[in-house]
């Protein structure tokens, strides 16, 4: 393997590590959002919203929609 091939391989390895870290951070962030969404939905239901209202409100909070 020549020097240029080795450098390209090392660069590709570094890029793969960056992609993997980004993937796991994204996955962790989505997991937190899902837990927060469930918590908000459950709180709405426990405070008198029916399930449809709670779902609409929760989706509205996460999408920024006021409908």
N, C-alpha and C. Protein backbone atom coordinates (compact mmCIF):
# COMPACT_ATOMS: atom_id res chain seq x y z
N UNK A 1 0.86 -1.17 0.00
CA UNK A 1 0.00 0.00 0.00
C UNK A 1 0.90 1.24 0.00
N UNK A 2 0.67 2.12 -0.93
CA UNK A 2 1.52 3.31 -0.98
C UNK A 2 1.01 4.40 -0.02
N UNK A 3 1.78 5.44 0.12
CA UNK A 3 1.48 6.51 1.08
C UNK A 3 0.14 7.18 0.78
N UNK A 4 -0.14 7.42 -0.48
CA UNK A 4 -1.41 8.09 -0.85
C UNK A 4 -2.61 7.22 -0.48
N UNK A 5 -2.54 5.92 -0.73
CA UNK A 5 -3.63 5.02 -0.37
C UNK A 5 -3.81 4.97 1.14
N UNK A 6 -2.70 4.96 1.87
CA UNK A 6 -2.77 4.94 3.33
C UNK A 6 -3.42 6.21 3.86
N UNK A 7 -3.05 7.35 3.30
CA UNK A 7 -3.65 8.62 3.72
C UNK A 7 -5.15 8.64 3.44
N UNK A 8 -5.55 8.15 2.28
CA UNK A 8 -6.97 8.11 1.93
C UNK A 8 -7.73 7.18 2.87
N UNK A 9 -7.11 6.04 3.19
CA UNK A 9 -7.74 5.09 4.11
C UNK A 9 -7.91 5.70 5.50
N UNK A 10 -6.89 6.42 5.96
CA UNK A 10 -6.97 7.06 7.27
C UNK A 10 -8.03 8.16 7.27
N UNK A 11 -8.11 8.90 6.18
CA UNK A 11 -9.13 9.95 6.07
C UNK A 11 -10.53 9.34 6.07
N UNK A 12 -10.71 8.24 5.34
CA UNK A 12 -12.00 7.56 5.30
C UNK A 12 -12.38 7.02 6.68
N UNK A 13 -11.40 6.49 7.41
CA UNK A 13 -11.65 5.98 8.75
C UNK A 13 -12.09 7.12 9.68
N UNK A 14 -11.44 8.26 9.57
CA UNK A 14 -11.80 9.41 10.39
C UNK A 14 -13.22 9.88 10.06
N UNK A 15 -13.55 9.92 8.77
CA UNK A 15 -14.90 10.31 8.36
C UNK A 15 -15.94 9.33 8.88
N UNK A 16 -15.62 8.04 8.84
CA UNK A 16 -16.55 7.03 9.35
C UNK A 16 -16.78 7.20 10.85
N UNK A 17 -15.71 7.50 11.58
CA UNK A 17 -15.85 7.71 13.02
C UNK A 17 -16.71 8.94 13.31
N UNK A 18 -16.54 9.98 12.52
CA UNK A 18 -17.36 11.18 12.68
C UNK A 18 -18.83 10.89 12.39
N UNK A 19 -19.08 10.16 11.31
CA UNK A 19 -20.45 9.79 10.98
C UNK A 19 -21.09 8.94 12.06
N UNK A 20 -20.32 8.00 12.58
CA UNK A 20 -20.84 7.12 13.64
C UNK A 20 -21.18 7.93 14.89
N UNK A 21 -20.31 8.85 15.28
CA UNK A 21 -20.57 9.69 16.45
C UNK A 21 -21.80 10.56 16.22
N UNK A 22 -21.92 11.13 15.02
CA UNK A 22 -23.08 11.95 14.69
C UNK A 22 -24.36 11.14 14.76
N UNK A 23 -24.32 9.92 14.24
CA UNK A 23 -25.49 9.04 14.26
C UNK A 23 -25.93 8.77 15.69
N UNK A 24 -24.99 8.41 16.56
CA UNK A 24 -25.36 8.08 17.93
C UNK A 24 -25.84 9.30 18.70
N UNK A 25 -25.27 10.46 18.44
CA UNK A 25 -25.75 11.69 19.09
C UNK A 25 -27.16 12.03 18.61
N UNK A 26 -27.41 11.85 17.33
CA UNK A 26 -28.76 12.08 16.78
C UNK A 26 -29.75 11.11 17.40
N UNK A 27 -29.36 9.85 17.49
CA UNK A 27 -30.22 8.83 18.09
C UNK A 27 -30.54 9.18 19.53
N UNK A 28 -29.54 9.63 20.27
CA UNK A 28 -29.75 10.01 21.67
C UNK A 28 -30.71 11.20 21.76
N UNK A 29 -30.52 12.18 20.89
CA UNK A 29 -31.40 13.35 20.88
C UNK A 29 -32.83 12.99 20.55
N UNK A 30 -33.02 12.11 19.58
CA UNK A 30 -34.39 11.69 19.23
C UNK A 30 -35.04 10.91 20.36
N UNK A 31 -34.25 10.13 21.08
CA UNK A 31 -34.78 9.39 22.22
C UNK A 31 -35.27 10.35 23.31
N UNK A 32 -34.51 11.40 23.54
CA UNK A 32 -34.92 12.41 24.53
C UNK A 32 -36.20 13.10 24.08
N UNK A 33 -36.29 13.45 22.80
CA UNK A 33 -37.51 14.07 22.28
C UNK A 33 -38.72 13.15 22.44
N UNK A 34 -38.53 11.87 22.16
CA UNK A 34 -39.63 10.91 22.29
C UNK A 34 -40.10 10.82 23.74
N UNK A 35 -39.17 10.77 24.68
CA UNK A 35 -39.55 10.71 26.10
C UNK A 35 -40.28 11.97 26.53
N UNK A 36 -39.79 13.13 26.07
CA UNK A 36 -40.44 14.39 26.42
C UNK A 36 -41.83 14.48 25.80
N UNK A 37 -41.98 13.97 24.58
CA UNK A 37 -43.29 13.96 23.94
C UNK A 37 -44.27 13.08 24.69
N UNK A 38 -43.82 11.92 25.12
CA UNK A 38 -44.69 11.02 25.89
C UNK A 38 -45.06 11.66 27.22
N UNK A 39 -44.09 12.30 27.87
CA UNK A 39 -44.36 12.96 29.14
C UNK A 39 -45.41 14.07 28.96
N UNK A 40 -45.24 14.88 27.92
CA UNK A 40 -46.20 15.96 27.67
C UNK A 40 -47.59 15.40 27.38
N UNK A 41 -47.66 14.37 26.55
CA UNK A 41 -48.94 13.73 26.24
C UNK A 41 -49.60 13.21 27.52
N UNK A 42 -48.85 12.48 28.34
CA UNK A 42 -49.39 11.92 29.58
C UNK A 42 -49.85 13.02 30.54
N UNK A 43 -49.10 14.11 30.61
CA UNK A 43 -49.50 15.23 31.47
C UNK A 43 -50.79 15.87 30.98
N UNK A 44 -50.92 16.01 29.68
CA UNK A 44 -52.16 16.57 29.11
C UNK A 44 -53.36 15.70 29.48
N UNK A 45 -53.21 14.38 29.30
CA UNK A 45 -54.30 13.46 29.62
C UNK A 45 -54.64 13.52 31.11
N UNK A 46 -53.60 13.56 31.95
CA UNK A 46 -53.87 13.58 33.39
C UNK A 46 -54.48 14.91 33.84
N UNK A 47 -54.40 15.93 33.01
CA UNK A 47 -54.98 17.23 33.35
C UNK A 47 -56.28 17.52 32.61
N UNK A 48 -56.91 16.46 32.09
CA UNK A 48 -58.26 16.62 31.56
C UNK A 48 -58.40 16.63 30.06
N UNK A 49 -57.31 16.61 29.32
CA UNK A 49 -57.43 16.54 27.86
C UNK A 49 -57.86 15.12 27.48
N UNK A 50 -58.65 14.99 26.43
CA UNK A 50 -58.86 13.63 25.93
C UNK A 50 -57.64 13.27 25.08
N UNK A 51 -57.54 12.01 24.65
CA UNK A 51 -56.34 11.58 23.95
C UNK A 51 -56.12 12.32 22.64
N UNK A 52 -57.20 12.60 21.92
CA UNK A 52 -57.07 13.33 20.66
C UNK A 52 -56.53 14.74 20.90
N UNK A 53 -57.10 15.42 21.91
CA UNK A 53 -56.63 16.77 22.23
C UNK A 53 -55.17 16.76 22.67
N UNK A 54 -54.83 15.78 23.51
CA UNK A 54 -53.46 15.67 24.01
C UNK A 54 -52.49 15.43 22.86
N UNK A 55 -52.87 14.57 21.93
CA UNK A 55 -52.02 14.28 20.78
C UNK A 55 -51.85 15.51 19.90
N UNK A 56 -52.95 16.20 19.63
CA UNK A 56 -52.87 17.41 18.80
C UNK A 56 -52.01 18.48 19.46
N UNK A 57 -52.17 18.65 20.76
CA UNK A 57 -51.38 19.64 21.48
C UNK A 57 -49.90 19.28 21.46
N UNK A 58 -49.59 18.02 21.74
CA UNK A 58 -48.20 17.56 21.77
C UNK A 58 -47.54 17.72 20.40
N UNK A 59 -48.24 17.32 19.36
CA UNK A 59 -47.70 17.48 18.01
C UNK A 59 -47.51 18.96 17.70
N UNK A 60 -48.46 19.78 18.10
CA UNK A 60 -48.34 21.22 17.88
C UNK A 60 -47.13 21.82 18.57
N UNK A 61 -46.86 21.38 19.78
CA UNK A 61 -45.68 21.89 20.50
C UNK A 61 -44.41 21.52 19.75
N UNK A 62 -44.32 20.28 19.29
CA UNK A 62 -43.10 19.83 18.65
C UNK A 62 -42.94 20.35 17.21
N UNK A 63 -44.03 20.70 16.56
CA UNK A 63 -43.94 21.19 15.19
C UNK A 63 -44.02 22.72 15.12
N UNK A 64 -44.37 23.34 16.22
CA UNK A 64 -44.51 24.79 16.23
C UNK A 64 -45.82 25.26 15.63
N UNK A 65 -46.75 24.34 15.50
CA UNK A 65 -48.05 24.67 14.91
C UNK A 65 -49.00 25.12 16.01
N UNK A 66 -49.79 26.13 15.72
CA UNK A 66 -50.75 26.62 16.72
C UNK A 66 -52.15 26.04 16.51
N UNK A 67 -52.32 25.16 15.54
CA UNK A 67 -53.64 24.59 15.27
C UNK A 67 -53.97 23.54 16.28
